[in-house]
Amino acid sequence: MEEGATSLELHTERLYYSDCYLTEFTARVVGSAKHGGTVYLDRTAFYPASGGQPQDTGVLDGQRILEVIDEGDRIAHVLGGPVRSEVVEGRIDWDRRYDHMQQHTGQHLLSAVLVELFEFQTVSFHLGSEVSTIDLATRELTARQIEAAEQGANEIVREARNVTVAFQDSDSVGGLRKPAHRDGTLRIVIIEGLDRSACGGTHVHSTAELGPIQIRGLEKIRGNVRIEFVCGTRALRRAKQDYRIALELARDSATSIDKLPEHVASLRARLTEAEKDRKRLAIEVARRDGDALYERTPPGADGIRRVRIELAALDDAARAQAQAFAARSKAVLLAVATQTPTILVACSPDTNLHAGQIVKENLAAAGGKGGGSGTLAQGSLPDLTVADSIARALGFA
């Protein structure tokens, strides 16, 4: 075995092209790199990451497969250690392979149904470890359309249609769901009576192996719609997980699963009312705090009671406290929020101070923005030191 064999020697026969169910194979090592940590075989059943489908894993000559890389005519196998001989045995991680076969064929089926029903073309596909995604060339996909697509796909699953592979020249091939941009011989994956797609991925033999198919999520992204889906063993596993979660929630809520949505809606309504009550009470307490703060703040030489407070952030309660303080005679309150630098100024009318004008002028001079009425104003602070200039303008020592 030589380090870096010729390009002719490194042409790799892809066994998964003709038999996706092949789990064990023998091959000859025709090249290596990185001190034997990467090897090239004359043929392989290991699928490299390509076309939105992740790579296979498994064992080659007793070494774990870490990465399978498509390098054009050849496939590199990155291993956990060097192989011992030139003729090696490989074994595919079948559970992972079959899961990928189900998800990838499920994508072909869903994509074809979405074209047939709504003429929504697939832009891209990604097979993830938990869910897979399809990006569709549409700005909107309604709940009714999702239900129709899911139902249509599962009907074809129940029909157990054949999924076959054919090899055709690019010049003569026709009827593809998406145009192929490759020359030469194309590998065509065919779902009987529904779909023909040029694809190098691994696929099941029958749509019966895909069920059930579930569309589990939707989001708008870059002018398209992305759907999340699962099928086959994944769908069953997720359905069981959903049931366990629903059952636990029902037990904790002392209700049945069927009545769980009604119970949650009732809880949400009660929480909304409780939050309204909390805010109302917080504002009431804040007003009382404003009155108490006024009483314990001694007036200055000009008879004006001035107080400066610091808090994390300005909220409705802080504004209520400031307004209650300034509702009294000759009162000025300056509140500075440090977490998100903002300022709040409240002045009673008899101080002859215009809160909005003072805040606006000082913030504008420092590159900030703010303003308000004569009695209440606020703005964002470009620098916390700007609060000192506003304090001086309000008569703070």
Protein backbone atom coordinates (compact mmCIF):
# COMPACT_ATOMS: atom_id res chain seq x y z
CA MET A 1 0.00 0.00 0.00
CA GLU A 2 1.57 3.29 -1.11
CA GLU A 3 1.12 6.72 0.43
CA GLY A 4 -0.74 8.69 -2.28
CA ALA A 5 -1.68 6.38 -5.15
CA THR A 6 -2.42 7.55 -8.68
CA SER A 7 -5.79 9.11 -9.59
CA LEU A 8 -6.65 6.06 -11.72
CA GLU A 9 -6.13 3.75 -8.76
CA LEU A 10 -8.19 5.99 -6.52
CA HIS A 11 -11.42 5.71 -8.48
CA THR A 12 -13.93 4.35 -5.93
CA GLU A 13 -16.83 2.09 -6.88
CA ARG A 14 -19.87 3.20 -4.86
CA LEU A 15 -21.64 0.04 -3.76
CA TYR A 16 -24.53 1.95 -2.20
CA TYR A 17 -25.52 3.18 -5.67
CA SER A 18 -26.83 -0.27 -6.55
CA ASP A 19 -27.56 -1.76 -3.11
CA CYS A 20 -28.50 0.57 -0.26
CA TYR A 21 -29.21 -2.41 2.00
CA LEU A 22 -25.63 -3.74 1.82
CA THR A 23 -24.22 -3.62 5.35
CA GLU A 24 -20.96 -5.60 5.03
CA PHE A 25 -18.38 -5.66 2.24
CA THR A 26 -14.74 -6.36 1.46
CA ALA A 27 -12.47 -3.99 -0.45
CA ARG A 28 -8.85 -3.40 -1.40
CA VAL A 29 -6.93 -0.45 0.00
CA VAL A 30 -5.50 1.44 -3.00
CA GLY A 31 -4.11 4.52 -1.27
CA SER A 32 -3.63 6.23 2.07
CA ALA A 33 -2.73 9.57 3.59
CA LYS A 34 -1.95 11.10 6.97
CA HIS A 35 0.10 8.11 8.12
CA GLY A 36 -2.64 5.63 7.34
CA GLY A 37 -5.37 7.56 9.18
CA THR A 38 -7.11 8.21 5.86
CA VAL A 39 -7.54 5.40 3.34
CA TYR A 40 -8.92 5.02 -0.17
CA LEU A 41 -10.61 1.80 -1.31
CA ASP A 42 -11.32 0.33 -4.72
CA ARG A 43 -14.98 0.14 -3.63
CA THR A 44 -17.05 1.16 -0.62
CA ALA A 45 -20.52 0.89 0.88
CA PHE A 46 -19.94 3.90 3.16
CA TYR A 47 -21.96 6.91 2.06
CA PRO A 48 -20.10 10.28 2.24
CA ALA A 49 -21.83 13.46 3.41
CA SER A 50 -23.51 14.79 0.28
CA GLY A 51 -26.77 16.27 -1.00
CA GLY A 52 -28.09 17.19 2.44
CA GLN A 53 -27.59 13.64 3.77
CA PRO A 54 -24.99 12.97 6.50
CA GLN A 55 -22.28 10.35 6.14
CA ASP A 56 -22.44 6.75 7.22
CA THR A 57 -20.54 5.51 10.24
CA GLY A 58 -19.31 2.02 11.09
CA VAL A 59 -16.11 -0.02 11.23
CA LEU A 60 -13.39 -0.66 8.64
CA ASP A 61 -10.84 -3.35 9.47
CA GLY A 62 -11.64 -2.92 13.17
CA GLN A 63 -11.18 0.88 13.06
CA ARG A 64 -14.07 3.27 13.67
CA ILE A 65 -15.09 5.41 10.72
CA LEU A 66 -14.73 9.05 11.78
CA GLU A 67 -15.48 10.75 8.48
CA VAL A 68 -16.36 9.79 4.91
CA ILE A 69 -15.43 12.46 2.36
CA ASP A 70 -16.54 12.68 -1.26
CA GLU A 71 -13.53 13.85 -3.31
CA GLY A 72 -15.12 13.49 -6.73
CA ASP A 73 -14.03 10.21 -8.32
CA ARG A 74 -12.73 8.90 -5.02
CA ILE A 75 -13.97 8.61 -1.43
CA ALA A 76 -11.71 9.18 1.56
CA HIS A 77 -12.29 7.19 4.76
CA VAL A 78 -10.94 8.91 7.87
CA LEU A 79 -10.31 6.31 10.58
CA GLY A 80 -9.55 6.17 14.27
CA GLY A 81 -6.28 4.36 13.46
CA PRO A 82 -4.42 2.71 10.57
CA VAL A 83 -5.71 -0.48 8.92
CA ARG A 84 -3.65 -3.70 9.19
CA SER A 85 -3.94 -5.13 5.68
CA GLU A 86 -4.61 -4.28 2.06
CA VAL A 87 -7.85 -6.28 1.89
CA VAL A 88 -10.25 -4.99 4.52
CA GLU A 89 -13.76 -5.67 5.74
CA GLY A 90 -16.24 -2.88 6.30
CA ARG A 91 -19.45 -2.90 8.34
CA ILE A 92 -22.07 -0.15 8.15
CA ASP A 93 -23.89 1.20 11.20
CA TRP A 94 -27.22 -0.12 9.94
CA ASP A 95 -29.53 1.73 12.32
CA ARG A 96 -28.05 5.05 11.23
CA ARG A 97 -28.05 4.08 7.53
CA TYR A 98 -31.66 2.88 7.56
CA ASP A 99 -32.80 6.01 9.40
CA HIS A 100 -31.15 8.12 6.71
CA MET A 101 -32.76 6.00 3.99
CA GLN A 102 -36.20 6.57 5.51
CA GLN A 103 -35.74 10.32 5.93
CA HIS A 104 -34.24 10.86 2.48
CA THR A 105 -36.93 8.89 0.66
CA GLY A 106 -39.50 10.64 2.84
CA GLN A 107 -38.14 13.96 1.59
CA HIS A 108 -38.54 12.85 -2.05
CA LEU A 109 -42.11 11.80 -1.30
CA LEU A 110 -43.06 15.01 0.52
CA SER A 111 -41.38 17.21 -2.09
CA ALA A 112 -43.21 15.43 -4.90
CA VAL A 113 -46.58 15.71 -3.11
CA LEU A 114 -46.03 19.44 -2.48
CA VAL A 115 -45.33 19.95 -6.19
CA GLU A 116 -48.34 17.84 -7.21
CA LEU A 117 -50.75 19.63 -4.84
CA PHE A 118 -49.49 23.21 -4.83
CA GLU A 119 -46.57 23.44 -7.33
CA PHE A 120 -44.20 24.32 -4.45
CA GLN A 121 -40.69 23.41 -5.58
CA THR A 122 -38.02 22.21 -3.12
CA VAL A 123 -35.09 24.63 -2.86
CA SER A 124 -32.94 22.59 -0.47
CA PHE A 125 -33.00 19.64 1.93
CA HIS A 126 -31.13 18.93 5.15
CA LEU A 127 -31.21 15.65 7.05
CA GLY A 128 -30.60 16.43 10.74
CA SER A 129 -30.00 14.16 13.70
CA GLU A 130 -33.49 14.77 15.15
CA VAL A 131 -35.57 16.35 12.39
CA SER A 132 -35.08 16.97 8.68
CA THR A 133 -35.96 20.16 6.82
CA ILE A 134 -37.19 21.08 3.36
CA ASP A 135 -36.99 24.66 2.09
CA LEU A 136 -39.85 25.44 -0.29
CA ALA A 137 -40.02 28.17 -2.93
CA THR A 138 -43.11 29.84 -1.50
CA ARG A 139 -43.71 32.71 0.89
CA GLU A 140 -46.60 31.01 2.66
CA LEU A 141 -47.76 27.53 3.62
CA THR A 142 -51.08 27.37 5.43
CA ALA A 143 -52.17 24.88 8.10
CA ARG A 144 -54.69 23.46 5.63
CA GLN A 145 -51.97 22.93 3.01
CA ILE A 146 -49.72 21.23 5.57
CA GLU A 147 -52.55 18.88 6.52
CA ALA A 148 -53.27 18.09 2.86
CA ALA A 149 -49.58 17.40 2.11
CA GLU A 150 -49.20 15.19 5.16
CA GLN A 151 -52.36 13.26 4.32
CA GLY A 152 -51.35 12.85 0.68
CA ALA A 153 -47.89 11.59 1.62
CA ASN A 154 -49.25 9.05 4.10
CA GLU A 155 -51.76 7.74 1.55
CA ILE A 156 -48.85 6.94 -0.76
CA VAL A 157 -47.04 5.29 2.17
CA ARG A 158 -50.05 2.98 2.66
CA GLU A 159 -50.07 2.13 -1.05
CA ALA A 160 -46.59 0.59 -0.68
CA ARG A 161 -45.33 1.97 -3.97
CA ASN A 162 -42.03 0.68 -5.28
CA VAL A 163 -38.93 2.84 -5.00
CA THR A 164 -36.39 1.91 -7.66
CA VAL A 165 -33.10 3.18 -9.06
CA ALA A 166 -32.25 3.60 -12.74
CA PHE A 167 -29.15 4.88 -14.54
CA GLN A 168 -29.75 7.07 -17.59
CA ASP A 169 -27.71 9.37 -19.80
CA SER A 170 -28.26 13.05 -19.03
CA ASP A 171 -28.97 13.78 -22.70
CA SER A 172 -31.94 11.41 -22.85
CA VAL A 173 -33.40 11.56 -19.35
CA GLY A 174 -36.81 13.21 -18.94
CA GLY A 175 -39.64 13.74 -16.47
CA LEU A 176 -37.42 14.81 -13.56
CA ARG A 177 -39.00 16.81 -10.73
CA LYS A 178 -35.99 19.14 -10.81
CA PRO A 179 -33.63 19.65 -13.76
CA ALA A 180 -30.27 17.90 -13.38
CA HIS A 181 -27.19 20.03 -13.97
CA ARG A 182 -24.74 17.15 -14.44
CA ASP A 183 -23.55 15.56 -17.63
CA GLY A 184 -23.03 11.86 -18.28
CA THR A 185 -24.82 9.04 -16.52
CA LEU A 186 -27.39 10.09 -13.93
CA ARG A 187 -28.68 7.98 -11.06
CA ILE A 188 -32.47 8.39 -11.00
CA VAL A 189 -34.51 7.52 -7.88
CA ILE A 190 -38.09 6.68 -8.87
CA ILE A 191 -41.18 6.55 -6.67
CA GLU A 192 -43.67 4.59 -8.71
CA GLY A 193 -46.23 6.84 -10.41
CA LEU A 194 -45.13 9.93 -8.49
CA ASP A 195 -41.54 11.10 -8.70
CA ARG A 196 -38.31 10.90 -10.68
CA SER A 197 -35.30 12.66 -9.16
CA ALA A 198 -31.59 12.62 -9.92
CA CYS A 199 -30.05 11.65 -6.61
CA GLY A 200 -26.96 9.88 -5.27
CA GLY A 201 -28.41 9.21 -1.80
CA THR A 202 -29.54 6.02 -0.09
CA HIS A 203 -33.23 5.05 -0.29
CA VAL A 204 -35.68 2.36 0.79
CA HIS A 205 -37.33 -0.14 -1.58
CA SER A 206 -40.95 0.76 -0.82
CA THR A 207 -42.92 3.73 0.47
CA ALA A 208 -44.39 1.30 3.03
CA GLU A 209 -41.07 1.60 4.89
CA LEU A 210 -41.57 5.33 5.44
CA GLY A 211 -44.71 5.54 7.54
CA PRO A 212 -45.86 7.49 9.29
CA ILE A 213 -44.78 10.89 7.94
CA GLN A 214 -45.24 13.93 10.20
CA ILE A 215 -44.70 17.61 9.44
CA ARG A 216 -43.73 19.00 12.83
CA GLY A 217 -42.76 22.61 12.27
CA LEU A 218 -42.70 25.59 9.92
CA GLU A 219 -40.74 28.84 9.70
CA LYS A 220 -40.21 31.56 7.11
CA ILE A 221 -36.60 32.02 6.07
CA ARG A 222 -35.05 34.19 3.35
CA GLY A 223 -38.30 34.53 1.42
CA ASN A 224 -39.00 30.79 1.50
CA VAL A 225 -40.82 28.45 3.87
CA ARG A 226 -38.92 25.77 5.79
CA ILE A 227 -40.79 22.73 7.08
CA GLU A 228 -39.52 20.23 9.62
CA PHE A 229 -40.54 16.62 9.21
CA VAL A 230 -39.87 13.12 10.52
CA CYS A 231 -40.86 9.74 9.17
CA GLY A 232 -40.52 6.03 9.84
CA THR A 233 -38.84 5.02 13.09
CA ARG A 234 -38.16 8.66 13.97
CA ALA A 235 -41.85 9.53 13.69
CA LEU A 236 -42.84 6.64 15.94
CA ARG A 237 -40.17 7.62 18.48
CA ARG A 238 -41.29 11.26 18.49
CA ALA A 239 -44.95 10.24 18.81
CA LYS A 240 -44.11 8.12 21.86
CA GLN A 241 -42.13 10.99 23.35
CA ASP A 242 -45.01 13.41 22.73
CA TYR A 243 -47.40 10.99 24.45
CA ARG A 244 -45.14 10.61 27.49
CA ILE A 245 -44.87 14.39 27.84
CA ALA A 246 -48.62 14.86 27.47
CA LEU A 247 -49.29 12.08 29.99
CA GLU A 248 -46.95 13.63 32.57
CA LEU A 249 -48.52 17.06 32.13
CA ALA A 250 -52.00 15.57 32.46
CA ARG A 251 -51.03 13.77 35.67
CA ASP A 252 -49.49 16.92 37.15
CA SER A 253 -52.62 18.86 36.20
CA ALA A 254 -54.99 16.21 37.59
CA THR A 255 -56.83 16.01 34.27
CA SER A 256 -57.00 13.74 31.23
CA ILE A 257 -54.87 14.11 28.10
CA ASP A 258 -57.98 14.94 26.07
CA LYS A 259 -58.83 17.84 28.40
CA LEU A 260 -55.24 19.10 28.66
CA PRO A 261 -55.64 21.88 26.03
CA GLU A 262 -58.73 23.19 27.84
CA HIS A 263 -56.89 23.06 31.16
CA VAL A 264 -53.86 24.90 29.77
CA ALA A 265 -56.12 27.59 28.25
CA SER A 266 -57.75 28.07 31.64
CA LEU A 267 -54.35 28.35 33.35
CA ARG A 268 -53.20 30.88 30.75
CA ALA A 269 -56.29 33.03 31.34
CA ARG A 270 -55.78 32.90 35.10
CA LEU A 271 -52.10 33.80 34.75
CA THR A 272 -53.00 36.76 32.53
CA GLU A 273 -55.42 38.06 35.16
CA ALA A 274 -52.89 37.45 37.94
CA GLU A 275 -50.24 39.39 35.98
CA LYS A 276 -52.65 42.30 35.55
CA ASP A 277 -53.33 42.26 39.30
CA ARG A 278 -49.60 42.11 40.05
CA LYS A 279 -48.88 45.13 37.86
CA ARG A 280 -51.78 47.07 39.37
CA LEU A 281 -50.57 46.32 42.91
CA ALA A 282 -46.95 47.13 41.97
CA ILE A 283 -48.01 50.54 40.66
CA GLU A 284 -50.11 51.17 43.75
CA VAL A 285 -47.17 50.31 46.01
CA ALA A 286 -44.88 52.50 43.88
CA ARG A 287 -47.20 55.47 44.28
CA ARG A 288 -47.19 55.01 48.03
CA ASP A 289 -43.38 54.75 47.92
CA GLY A 290 -43.32 58.04 46.00
CA ASP A 291 -45.44 59.72 48.67
CA ALA A 292 -43.26 58.30 51.46
CA LEU A 293 -40.09 59.37 49.63
CA TYR A 294 -41.44 62.90 49.37
CA GLU A 295 -42.21 63.01 53.10
CA ARG A 296 -38.71 61.96 54.13
CA THR A 297 -36.89 64.18 51.61
CA PRO A 298 -36.03 67.55 53.18
CA PRO A 299 -36.47 70.67 51.01
CA GLY A 300 -33.43 72.60 49.81
CA ALA A 301 -32.67 76.25 50.36
CA ASP A 302 -35.04 77.14 47.53
CA GLY A 303 -37.82 75.05 49.09
CA ILE A 304 -37.63 72.32 46.39
CA ARG A 305 -37.33 68.69 47.46
CA ARG A 306 -34.89 66.94 45.15
CA VAL A 307 -34.10 63.23 45.11
CA ARG A 308 -31.91 61.14 42.81
CA ILE A 309 -32.34 57.36 42.65
CA GLU A 310 -30.62 54.58 40.73
CA LEU A 311 -32.24 51.33 39.60
CA ALA A 312 -31.61 48.53 37.11
CA ALA A 313 -34.29 49.48 34.57
CA LEU A 314 -37.20 51.87 34.17
CA ASP A 315 -40.63 50.28 34.29
CA ASP A 316 -44.22 51.28 34.94
CA ALA A 317 -43.68 51.08 38.70
CA ALA A 318 -40.69 53.45 38.52
CA ARG A 319 -42.71 55.94 36.49
CA ALA A 320 -45.61 55.69 38.96
CA GLN A 321 -43.25 56.42 41.86
CA ALA A 322 -41.76 59.43 40.06
CA GLN A 323 -45.17 60.81 39.16
CA ALA A 324 -46.42 60.40 42.72
CA PHE A 325 -43.34 62.22 44.07
CA ALA A 326 -43.70 65.11 41.59
CA ALA A 327 -47.44 65.37 42.16
CA ARG A 328 -46.61 67.05 45.46
CA SER A 329 -45.53 70.68 45.90
CA LYS A 330 -42.04 71.75 44.77
CA ALA A 331 -40.57 68.35 43.96
CA VAL A 332 -37.97 67.04 41.50
CA LEU A 333 -37.10 63.35 41.03
CA LEU A 334 -34.23 62.11 38.86
CA ALA A 335 -34.12 58.34 38.19
CA VAL A 336 -31.17 56.73 36.40
CA ALA A 337 -31.39 53.16 35.07
CA THR A 338 -27.94 51.55 34.79
CA GLN A 339 -28.72 48.22 33.14
CA THR A 340 -30.00 49.85 29.96
CA PRO A 341 -28.75 53.44 30.45
CA THR A 342 -31.86 55.61 30.51
CA ILE A 343 -33.02 58.58 32.53
CA LEU A 344 -36.38 59.71 33.92
CA VAL A 345 -37.12 63.19 35.22
CA ALA A 346 -40.29 64.28 37.05
CA CYS A 347 -40.88 67.90 38.11
CA SER A 348 -43.85 69.47 39.85
CA PRO A 349 -45.24 72.49 37.93
CA ASP A 350 -44.42 74.96 40.73
CA THR A 351 -40.64 74.36 40.40
CA ASN A 352 -40.55 76.38 37.15
CA LEU A 353 -38.40 73.61 35.68
CA HIS A 354 -39.37 72.06 32.31
CA ALA A 355 -38.43 68.36 32.49
CA GLY A 356 -38.77 67.72 28.75
CA GLN A 357 -36.70 70.70 27.68
CA ILE A 358 -33.89 69.97 30.15
CA VAL A 359 -33.67 66.29 29.12
CA LYS A 360 -33.86 67.04 25.39
CA GLU A 361 -31.18 69.76 25.42
CA ASN A 362 -28.65 67.85 27.55
CA LEU A 363 -29.08 64.57 25.69
CA ALA A 364 -28.87 66.26 22.28
CA ALA A 365 -25.58 67.90 23.31
CA ALA A 366 -24.19 64.46 24.15
CA GLY A 367 -25.52 62.70 21.04
CA GLY A 368 -28.51 61.11 22.73
CA LYS A 369 -32.26 61.41 22.28
CA GLY A 370 -35.06 62.14 24.69
CA GLY A 371 -37.75 64.55 25.79
CA GLY A 372 -41.23 64.80 27.18
CA SER A 373 -43.63 67.18 28.89
CA GLY A 374 -42.86 69.85 31.44
CA THR A 375 -43.59 67.46 34.32
CA LEU A 376 -42.30 64.10 32.98
CA ALA A 377 -39.51 63.25 30.53
CA GLN A 378 -37.11 60.44 29.73
CA GLY A 379 -34.44 59.38 27.24
CA SER A 380 -31.55 57.04 26.51
CA LEU A 381 -28.13 57.94 27.91
CA PRO A 382 -25.15 57.69 25.53
CA ASP A 383 -23.03 57.84 28.68
CA LEU A 384 -24.01 57.60 32.35
CA THR A 385 -22.02 60.78 33.06
CA VAL A 386 -24.64 62.75 31.07
CA ALA A 387 -26.96 62.15 34.01
CA ASP A 388 -24.71 64.47 36.07
CA SER A 389 -25.20 67.37 33.65
CA ILE A 390 -28.96 66.85 33.75
CA ALA A 391 -28.81 66.76 37.55
CA ARG A 392 -26.99 70.10 37.60
CA ALA A 393 -29.57 71.61 35.29
CA LEU A 394 -32.26 70.45 37.74
CA GLY A 395 -30.51 72.18 40.63
CA PHE A 396 -28.88 69.16 42.28
CA ALA A 397 -25.70 70.10 44.11
